[in-house]
Amino acid sequence: MTAYEEYATQELRIWQHQMQRSPSFANTLAMRAQRKLNSYIPEKVHQAITGTIKQMVRAVLFGSELTTRKPHPFTSLQLTEALIQERIKFYKRAAAAEGGIIGAGGILLGFADFPLLLGLKLKMLFEIAALYGYSADDYRERLYLLHIFQLAFSSQEQRRQVYQLLENWEVQAQHLPQDIHQFDWRTFQQEYRDYIDLAKMAQLIPIIGAPIGAVVNYRLINKLGNTAMNAYRMRWVQGISSQRIR
C-alpha cells in the first residue's frame, strides 16, 4: 500500500468501529423519547410524510440527468479522493449558502429548505459514486446510495443494522427487492426526520436562523460526504482482498 492508502485504511477502521458501537445510554433515552413523540402523531400524518419524502427522493434518485452520469476511470485512491474532497467542499458551500438564505426568512421559507437540501445531498452522493467508478445506472448502486444516506442520518441502533448490510454488500445485493416500493421508506424518513429535527428547528427563527441554517447545512453535508467516502473505501478494501484471493 502507498502511504495515502495506509492512511485511508486507518481512517476506515476507526469509522467502522464507530458504526458498530452499541447505542449509548443517552442515545437510548433520546431514541425512546423520539419514538414516544412519534406515537402521538396520527398514522395518516406518518403516511403523508413518508409518501412525500419517498416521492422527493425518487425524483432525484431516478432523475435522468443523474442516472446518465458516467463513472470516472479509477486510477488511484489518492487522486480519486482528492477530487471527491473538492466536490464535498463545493456542496458544503452550496448547502451553507442555501441554509443561510432560507434561515433568514424564518418559518415562511423554512419549509423550502427540506427538499433543496435533500436534493443537494443526493446529487453529491451521485458524484461521489461516479468518481469511485460506480455507475448509477445500476439499480443496486442507487440503493447503495440510499443506505449510505441512512448510515449518516440515523440513530446508532439503525446505523449498526445498515452497516451490516453494507459490510457484505456484494452478497446482500443479490437479494435486493427489484421494486423500489419495497424499500423501507417509513424507517428511512422517520430516522432522517428524527435526526435533523432538533438541529433544523432553530433555523425557523427569523434572523438568527440564517447563521444557524448555514452551519447546520454545512455540517450535515460534511457528515454525509465523510460517510460516503468510508463506505466506498470499504468496497475498495474488499476489492483488493478479492484480487489477492484470486
C-alpha atoms as a PDB file:
ATOM      1  CA  MET A   1       0.000   0.000   0.000  1.00  0.00           C
ATOM      2  CA  THR A   2       1.031   3.602  -0.568  1.00  0.00           C
ATOM      3  CA  ALA A   3       1.292   5.995   2.373  1.00  0.00           C
ATOM      4  CA  TYR A   4      -2.079   7.512   1.440  1.00  0.00           C
ATOM      5  CA  GLU A   5      -3.756   4.121   1.166  1.00  0.00           C
ATOM      6  CA  GLU A   6      -2.478   3.198   4.632  1.00  0.00           C
ATOM      7  CA  TYR A   7      -3.825   6.497   5.970  1.00  0.00           C
ATOM      8  CA  ALA A   8      -7.230   5.912   4.323  1.00  0.00           C
ATOM      9  CA  THR A   9      -7.366   2.343   5.622  1.00  0.00           C
ATOM     10  CA  GLN A  10      -6.658   3.521   9.158  1.00  0.00           C
ATOM     11  CA  GLU A  11      -9.421   6.126   8.906  1.00  0.00           C
ATOM     12  CA  LEU A  12     -11.725   3.409   7.609  1.00  0.00           C
ATOM     13  CA  ARG A  13     -11.020   1.166  10.621  1.00  0.00           C
ATOM     14  CA  ILE A  14     -11.855   3.997  13.026  1.00  0.00           C
ATOM     15  CA  TRP A  15     -15.084   4.691  11.125  1.00  0.00           C
ATOM     16  CA  GLN A  16     -16.042   1.006  11.090  1.00  0.00           C
ATOM     17  CA  HIS A  17     -15.586   0.857  14.846  1.00  0.00           C
ATOM     18  CA  GLN A  18     -17.848   3.894  15.257  1.00  0.00           C
ATOM     19  CA  MET A  19     -20.534   2.345  13.051  1.00  0.00           C
ATOM     20  CA  GLN A  20     -20.588  -0.863  15.114  1.00  0.00           C
ATOM     21  CA  ARG A  21     -20.710   0.704  18.572  1.00  0.00           C
ATOM     22  CA  SER A  22     -23.675  -0.108  20.742  1.00  0.00           C
ATOM     23  CA  PRO A  23     -26.044   2.809  21.423  1.00  0.00           C
ATOM     24  CA  SER A  24     -25.014   4.820  24.477  1.00  0.00           C
ATOM     25  CA  PHE A  25     -27.381   5.376  27.394  1.00  0.00           C
ATOM     26  CA  ALA A  26     -28.054   8.906  26.143  1.00  0.00           C
ATOM     27  CA  ASN A  27     -28.727   7.590  22.625  1.00  0.00           C
ATOM     28  CA  THR A  28     -31.176   5.053  24.006  1.00  0.00           C
ATOM     29  CA  LEU A  29     -33.057   7.646  26.062  1.00  0.00           C
ATOM     30  CA  ALA A  30     -33.243  10.052  23.134  1.00  0.00           C
ATOM     31  CA  MET A  31     -34.493   7.283  20.842  1.00  0.00           C
ATOM     32  CA  ARG A  32     -37.203   6.256  23.324  1.00  0.00           C
ATOM     33  CA  ALA A  33     -38.319   9.856  23.725  1.00  0.00           C
ATOM     34  CA  GLN A  34     -38.485  10.335  19.963  1.00  0.00           C
ATOM     35  CA  ARG A  35     -40.451   7.116  19.499  1.00  0.00           C
ATOM     36  CA  LYS A  36     -42.868   8.207  22.202  1.00  0.00           C
ATOM     37  CA  LEU A  37     -43.318  11.541  20.462  1.00  0.00           C
ATOM     38  CA  ASN A  38     -43.851   9.804  17.120  1.00  0.00           C
ATOM     39  CA  SER A  39     -46.541   7.626  18.687  1.00  0.00           C
ATOM     40  CA  TYR A  40     -48.624  10.750  19.300  1.00  0.00           C
ATOM     41  CA  ILE A  41     -48.561  11.664  15.622  1.00  0.00           C
ATOM     42  CA  PRO A  42     -51.609  10.289  13.771  1.00  0.00           C
ATOM     43  CA  GLU A  43     -50.935   7.426  11.364  1.00  0.00           C
ATOM     44  CA  LYS A  44     -52.318   9.440   8.450  1.00  0.00           C
ATOM     45  CA  VAL A  45     -49.685  12.107   9.097  1.00  0.00           C
ATOM     46  CA  HIS A  46     -46.912   9.499   9.142  1.00  0.00           C
ATOM     47  CA  GLN A  47     -48.185   8.077   5.865  1.00  0.00           C
ATOM     48  CA  ALA A  48     -48.359  11.528   4.289  1.00  0.00           C
ATOM     49  CA  ILE A  49     -44.795  12.388   5.356  1.00  0.00           C
ATOM     50  CA  THR A  50     -43.495   9.010   4.208  1.00  0.00           C
ATOM     51  CA  GLY A  51     -45.187   9.431   0.826  1.00  0.00           C
ATOM     52  CA  THR A  52     -43.822  12.945   0.374  1.00  0.00           C
ATOM     53  CA  ILE A  53     -40.230  12.019   1.206  1.00  0.00           C
ATOM     54  CA  LYS A  54     -40.466   8.878  -0.911  1.00  0.00           C
ATOM     55  CA  GLN A  55     -41.535  10.888  -3.955  1.00  0.00           C
ATOM     56  CA  MET A  56     -38.884  13.577  -3.394  1.00  0.00           C
ATOM     57  CA  VAL A  57     -36.084  11.033  -3.028  1.00  0.00           C
ATOM     58  CA  ARG A  58     -37.259   9.006  -6.022  1.00  0.00           C
ATOM     59  CA  ALA A  59     -37.468  12.153  -8.164  1.00  0.00           C
ATOM     60  CA  VAL A  60     -33.791  12.876  -7.504  1.00  0.00           C
ATOM     61  CA  LEU A  61     -32.600   9.284  -7.270  1.00  0.00           C
ATOM     62  CA  PHE A  62     -34.095   8.254 -10.585  1.00  0.00           C
ATOM     63  CA  GLY A  63     -33.818  11.550 -12.437  1.00  0.00           C
ATOM     64  CA  SER A  64     -32.478  11.050 -15.952  1.00  0.00           C
ATOM     65  CA  GLU A  65     -29.927  13.830 -15.558  1.00  0.00           C
ATOM     66  CA  LEU A  66     -28.283  11.883 -12.741  1.00  0.00           C
ATOM     67  CA  THR A  67     -28.626   8.266 -13.825  1.00  0.00           C
ATOM     68  CA  THR A  68     -26.847   9.070 -17.109  1.00  0.00           C
ATOM     69  CA  ARG A  69     -23.731  10.324 -15.294  1.00  0.00           C
ATOM     70  CA  LYS A  70     -20.752   8.259 -16.432  1.00  0.00           C
ATOM     71  CA  PRO A  71     -18.409   6.705 -13.863  1.00  0.00           C
ATOM     72  CA  HIS A  72     -14.939   8.234 -13.659  1.00  0.00           C
ATOM     73  CA  PRO A  73     -11.999   5.934 -14.556  1.00  0.00           C
ATOM     74  CA  PHE A  74     -10.455   4.824 -11.258  1.00  0.00           C
ATOM     75  CA  THR A  75      -6.687   5.373 -11.306  1.00  0.00           C
ATOM     76  CA  SER A  76      -5.608   5.694  -7.672  1.00  0.00           C
ATOM     77  CA  LEU A  77      -7.330   6.118  -4.329  1.00  0.00           C
ATOM     78  CA  GLN A  78      -5.409   9.291  -3.553  1.00  0.00           C
ATOM     79  CA  LEU A  79      -6.309  11.032  -6.810  1.00  0.00           C
ATOM     80  CA  THR A  80      -9.919   9.874  -6.607  1.00  0.00           C
ATOM     81  CA  GLU A  81     -10.376  11.137  -3.065  1.00  0.00           C
ATOM     82  CA  ALA A  82      -8.670  14.453  -3.842  1.00  0.00           C
ATOM     83  CA  LEU A  83     -11.341  15.032  -6.495  1.00  0.00           C
ATOM     84  CA  ILE A  84     -14.066  13.900  -4.109  1.00  0.00           C
ATOM     85  CA  GLN A  85     -12.899  16.249  -1.371  1.00  0.00           C
ATOM     86  CA  GLU A  86     -13.203  19.136  -3.819  1.00  0.00           C
ATOM     87  CA  ARG A  87     -16.773  18.146  -4.684  1.00  0.00           C
ATOM     88  CA  ILE A  88     -17.672  17.829  -0.994  1.00  0.00           C
ATOM     89  CA  LYS A  89     -16.290  21.343  -0.406  1.00  0.00           C
ATOM     90  CA  PHE A  90     -18.427  22.628  -3.259  1.00  0.00           C
ATOM     91  CA  TYR A  91     -21.587  21.072  -1.838  1.00  0.00           C
ATOM     92  CA  LYS A  92     -20.796  22.261   1.691  1.00  0.00           C
ATOM     93  CA  ARG A  93     -20.533  25.834   0.441  1.00  0.00           C
ATOM     94  CA  ALA A  94     -23.718  25.471  -1.619  1.00  0.00           C
ATOM     95  CA  ALA A  95     -25.641  23.973   1.316  1.00  0.00           C
ATOM     96  CA  ALA A  96     -24.385  26.666   3.710  1.00  0.00           C
ATOM     97  CA  ALA A  97     -25.463  29.413   1.323  1.00  0.00           C
ATOM     98  CA  GLU A  98     -28.857  27.805   0.840  1.00  0.00           C
ATOM     99  CA  GLY A  99     -29.311  27.338   4.604  1.00  0.00           C
ATOM    100  CA  GLY A 100     -28.348  30.930   5.308  1.00  0.00           C
ATOM    101  CA  ILE A 101     -30.773  32.365   2.759  1.00  0.00           C
ATOM    102  CA  ILE A 102     -33.619  30.114   3.869  1.00  0.00           C
ATOM    103  CA  GLY A 103     -32.841  30.674   7.565  1.00  0.00           C
ATOM    104  CA  ALA A 104     -33.068  34.430   7.148  1.00  0.00           C
ATOM    105  CA  GLY A 105     -36.712  34.043   6.183  1.00  0.00           C
ATOM    106  CA  GLY A 106     -37.651  32.004   9.241  1.00  0.00           C
ATOM    107  CA  ILE A 107     -40.604  29.658   9.139  1.00  0.00           C
ATOM    108  CA  LEU A 108     -42.039  31.171   5.940  1.00  0.00           C
ATOM    109  CA  LEU A 109     -39.078  29.927   3.922  1.00  0.00           C
ATOM    110  CA  GLY A 110     -38.104  27.077   6.242  1.00  0.00           C
ATOM    111  CA  PHE A 111     -40.324  24.561   4.507  1.00  0.00           C
ATOM    112  CA  ALA A 112     -38.391  25.090   1.262  1.00  0.00           C
ATOM    113  CA  ASP A 113     -35.126  24.027   2.900  1.00  0.00           C
ATOM    114  CA  PHE A 114     -36.014  20.359   3.240  1.00  0.00           C
ATOM    115  CA  PRO A 115     -36.363  19.433  -0.462  1.00  0.00           C
ATOM    116  CA  LEU A 116     -33.498  21.730  -1.514  1.00  0.00           C
ATOM    117  CA  LEU A 117     -31.050  20.266   0.995  1.00  0.00           C
ATOM    118  CA  LEU A 118     -32.226  16.726   0.262  1.00  0.00           C
ATOM    119  CA  GLY A 119     -31.542  17.308  -3.430  1.00  0.00           C
ATOM    120  CA  LEU A 120     -28.030  18.612  -2.759  1.00  0.00           C
ATOM    121  CA  LYS A 121     -27.220  15.604  -0.584  1.00  0.00           C
ATOM    122  CA  LEU A 122     -28.363  13.050  -3.134  1.00  0.00           C
ATOM    123  CA  LYS A 123     -26.669  14.827  -6.043  1.00  0.00           C
ATOM    124  CA  MET A 124     -23.411  14.837  -4.096  1.00  0.00           C
ATOM    125  CA  LEU A 125     -23.741  11.094  -3.499  1.00  0.00           C
ATOM    126  CA  PHE A 126     -24.166  10.511  -7.234  1.00  0.00           C
ATOM    127  CA  GLU A 127     -20.982  12.453  -7.944  1.00  0.00           C
ATOM    128  CA  ILE A 128     -19.028  10.566  -5.287  1.00  0.00           C
ATOM    129  CA  ALA A 129     -20.213   7.210  -6.642  1.00  0.00           C
ATOM    130  CA  ALA A 130     -19.180   8.182 -10.171  1.00  0.00           C
ATOM    131  CA  LEU A 131     -15.739   9.332  -9.025  1.00  0.00           C
ATOM    132  CA  TYR A 132     -15.171   5.973  -7.317  1.00  0.00           C
ATOM    133  CA  GLY A 133     -16.057   4.335 -10.637  1.00  0.00           C
ATOM    134  CA  TYR A 134     -19.585   3.090  -9.901  1.00  0.00           C
ATOM    135  CA  SER A 135     -22.415   3.568 -12.365  1.00  0.00           C
ATOM    136  CA  ALA A 136     -25.733   4.825 -11.021  1.00  0.00           C
ATOM    137  CA  ASP A 137     -27.420   3.165 -13.989  1.00  0.00           C
ATOM    138  CA  ASP A 138     -27.257   0.009 -11.888  1.00  0.00           C
ATOM    139  CA  TYR A 139     -30.343  -0.164  -9.679  1.00  0.00           C
ATOM    140  CA  ARG A 140     -28.302  -1.755  -6.877  1.00  0.00           C
ATOM    141  CA  GLU A 141     -25.902   1.184  -6.821  1.00  0.00           C
ATOM    142  CA  ARG A 142     -28.784   3.593  -6.307  1.00  0.00           C
ATOM    143  CA  LEU A 143     -29.946   1.530  -3.365  1.00  0.00           C
ATOM    144  CA  TYR A 144     -26.397   1.614  -2.049  1.00  0.00           C
ATOM    145  CA  LEU A 145     -26.625   5.410  -2.036  1.00  0.00           C
ATOM    146  CA  LEU A 146     -29.840   5.223  -0.008  1.00  0.00           C
ATOM    147  CA  HIS A 147     -28.096   3.017   2.540  1.00  0.00           C
ATOM    148  CA  ILE A 148     -25.194   5.480   2.782  1.00  0.00           C
ATOM    149  CA  PHE A 149     -27.772   8.181   3.431  1.00  0.00           C
ATOM    150  CA  GLN A 150     -29.227   6.074   6.238  1.00  0.00           C
ATOM    151  CA  LEU A 151     -25.785   5.489   7.738  1.00  0.00           C
ATOM    152  CA  ALA A 152     -25.212   9.221   8.002  1.00  0.00           C
ATOM    153  CA  PHE A 153     -28.627  10.226   9.303  1.00  0.00           C
ATOM    154  CA  SER A 154     -29.957   7.528  11.617  1.00  0.00           C
ATOM    155  CA  SER A 155     -29.904   6.532  15.256  1.00  0.00           C
ATOM    156  CA  GLN A 156     -26.970   4.391  16.376  1.00  0.00           C
ATOM    157  CA  GLU A 157     -29.201   1.328  16.567  1.00  0.00           C
ATOM    158  CA  GLN A 158     -30.383   1.719  12.967  1.00  0.00           C
ATOM    159  CA  ARG A 159     -26.880   2.661  11.846  1.00  0.00           C
ATOM    160  CA  ARG A 160     -25.498  -0.668  13.071  1.00  0.00           C
ATOM    161  CA  GLN A 161     -28.135  -2.580  11.096  1.00  0.00           C
ATOM    162  CA  VAL A 162     -27.458  -0.645   7.895  1.00  0.00           C
ATOM    163  CA  TYR A 163     -23.699  -1.040   8.328  1.00  0.00           C
ATOM    164  CA  GLN A 164     -24.076  -4.821   8.455  1.00  0.00           C
ATOM    165  CA  LEU A 165     -25.810  -4.697   5.074  1.00  0.00           C
ATOM    166  CA  LEU A 166     -23.041  -2.623   3.504  1.00  0.00           C
ATOM    167  CA  GLU A 167     -20.291  -4.689   5.103  1.00  0.00           C
ATOM    168  CA  ASN A 168     -21.380  -7.653   2.954  1.00  0.00           C
ATOM    169  CA  TRP A 169     -22.827  -5.658   0.087  1.00  0.00           C
ATOM    170  CA  GLU A 170     -21.853  -7.960  -2.778  1.00  0.00           C
ATOM    171  CA  VAL A 171     -23.803 -10.773  -1.104  1.00  0.00           C
ATOM    172  CA  GLN A 172     -26.689  -8.575   0.031  1.00  0.00           C
ATOM    173  CA  ALA A 173     -27.052  -7.031  -3.435  1.00  0.00           C
ATOM    174  CA  GLN A 174     -28.058 -10.405  -4.839  1.00  0.00           C
ATOM    175  CA  HIS A 175     -31.159 -10.430  -2.623  1.00  0.00           C
ATOM    176  CA  LEU A 176     -32.353  -6.859  -3.099  1.00  0.00           C
ATOM    177  CA  PRO A 177     -36.012  -6.210  -3.990  1.00  0.00           C
ATOM    178  CA  GLN A 178     -36.451  -5.369  -7.660  1.00  0.00           C
ATOM    179  CA  ASP A 179     -39.251  -2.940  -6.862  1.00  0.00           C
ATOM    180  CA  ILE A 180     -38.163   0.337  -5.221  1.00  0.00           C
ATOM    181  CA  HIS A 181     -41.546   0.444  -3.472  1.00  0.00           C
ATOM    182  CA  GLN A 182     -40.360  -2.468  -1.306  1.00  0.00           C
ATOM    183  CA  PHE A 183     -37.663  -0.310   0.229  1.00  0.00           C
ATOM    184  CA  ASP A 184     -38.426   0.543   3.869  1.00  0.00           C
ATOM    185  CA  TRP A 185     -39.384   4.172   3.249  1.00  0.00           C
ATOM    186  CA  ARG A 186     -41.132   4.535   6.616  1.00  0.00           C
ATOM    187  CA  THR A 187     -37.954   3.833   8.577  1.00  0.00           C
ATOM    188  CA  PHE A 188     -35.905   5.916   6.126  1.00  0.00           C
ATOM    189  CA  GLN A 189     -37.991   9.064   6.523  1.00  0.00           C
ATOM    190  CA  GLN A 190     -38.551   8.691  10.261  1.00  0.00           C
ATOM    191  CA  GLU A 191     -34.881   8.163  11.090  1.00  0.00           C
ATOM    192  CA  TYR A 192     -33.858  11.071   8.851  1.00  0.00           C
ATOM    193  CA  ARG A 193     -36.532  13.366  10.242  1.00  0.00           C
ATOM    194  CA  ASP A 194     -35.708  12.472  13.846  1.00  0.00           C
ATOM    195  CA  TYR A 195     -32.002  13.005  13.231  1.00  0.00           C
ATOM    196  CA  ILE A 196     -32.256  16.510  11.802  1.00  0.00           C
ATOM    197  CA  ASP A 197     -35.367  17.838  13.577  1.00  0.00           C
ATOM    198  CA  LEU A 198     -33.594  19.326  16.589  1.00  0.00           C
ATOM    199  CA  ALA A 199     -30.791  20.843  14.531  1.00  0.00           C
ATOM    200  CA  LYS A 200     -33.160  22.380  11.999  1.00  0.00           C
ATOM    201  CA  MET A 201     -35.796  23.762  14.381  1.00  0.00           C
ATOM    202  CA  ALA A 202     -33.671  26.782  15.329  1.00  0.00           C
ATOM    203  CA  GLN A 203     -33.325  27.613  11.641  1.00  0.00           C
ATOM    204  CA  LEU A 204     -37.001  28.533  11.575  1.00  0.00           C
ATOM    205  CA  ILE A 205     -36.400  31.514  13.893  1.00  0.00           C
ATOM    206  CA  PRO A 206     -36.179  34.710  11.794  1.00  0.00           C
ATOM    207  CA  ILE A 207     -32.796  36.499  11.573  1.00  0.00           C
ATOM    208  CA  ILE A 208     -30.810  34.144  13.853  1.00  0.00           C
ATOM    209  CA  GLY A 209     -31.963  31.276  11.665  1.00  0.00           C
ATOM    210  CA  ALA A 210     -29.581  32.443   8.906  1.00  0.00           C
ATOM    211  CA  PRO A 211     -26.239  31.661  10.609  1.00  0.00           C
ATOM    212  CA  ILE A 212     -27.704  28.571  12.261  1.00  0.00           C
ATOM    213  CA  GLY A 213     -29.037  27.296   8.934  1.00  0.00           C
ATOM    214  CA  ALA A 214     -25.680  27.843   7.246  1.00  0.00           C
ATOM    215  CA  VAL A 215     -23.719  25.988   9.938  1.00  0.00           C
ATOM    216  CA  VAL A 216     -26.189  23.101  10.253  1.00  0.00           C
ATOM    217  CA  ASN A 217     -26.354  22.521   6.492  1.00  0.00           C
ATOM    218  CA  TYR A 218     -22.565  22.691   6.207  1.00  0.00           C
ATOM    219  CA  ARG A 219     -22.140  20.055   8.899  1.00  0.00           C
ATOM    220  CA  LEU A 220     -24.841  17.756   7.526  1.00  0.00           C
ATOM    221  CA  ILE A 221     -23.203  17.753   4.088  1.00  0.00           C
ATOM    222  CA  ASN A 222     -19.787  17.196   5.644  1.00  0.00           C
ATOM    223  CA  LYS A 223     -21.081  14.216   7.616  1.00  0.00           C
ATOM    224  CA  LEU A 224     -22.692  12.677   4.550  1.00  0.00           C
ATOM    225  CA  GLY A 225     -19.555  13.190   2.466  1.00  0.00           C
ATOM    226  CA  ASN A 226     -17.310  11.524   5.058  1.00  0.00           C
ATOM    227  CA  THR A 227     -19.769   8.646   5.439  1.00  0.00           C
ATOM    228  CA  ALA A 228     -19.856   8.104   1.670  1.00  0.00           C
ATOM    229  CA  MET A 229     -16.063   8.117   1.391  1.00  0.00           C
ATOM    230  CA  ASN A 230     -15.676   5.473   4.057  1.00  0.00           C
ATOM    231  CA  ALA A 231     -18.485   3.349   2.645  1.00  0.00           C
ATOM    232  CA  TYR A 232     -16.715   3.264  -0.721  1.00  0.00           C
ATOM    233  CA  ARG A 233     -13.324   2.760   0.920  1.00  0.00           C
ATOM    234  CA  MET A 234     -14.807  -0.372   2.460  1.00  0.00           C
ATOM    235  CA  ARG A 235     -15.667  -1.671  -1.007  1.00  0.00           C
ATOM    236  CA  TRP A 236     -12.190  -0.712  -2.235  1.00  0.00           C
ATOM    237  CA  VAL A 237     -10.599  -2.796   0.539  1.00  0.00           C
ATOM    238  CA  GLN A 238     -12.938  -5.696  -0.220  1.00  0.00           C
ATOM    239  CA  GLY A 239     -11.959  -5.468  -3.889  1.00  0.00           C
ATOM    240  CA  ILE A 240      -8.258  -5.645  -3.038  1.00  0.00           C
ATOM    241  CA  SER A 241      -8.878  -8.654  -0.771  1.00  0.00           C
ATOM    242  CA  SER A 242     -10.771 -10.444  -3.533  1.00  0.00           C
ATOM    243  CA  GLN A 243      -7.934  -9.867  -6.003  1.00  0.00           C
ATOM    244  CA  ARG A 244      -5.408 -11.295  -3.541  1.00  0.00           C
ATOM    245  CA  ILE A 245      -7.519 -14.424  -3.004  1.00  0.00           C
ATOM    246  CA  ARG A 246      -7.662 -14.969  -6.777  1.00  0.00           C
END
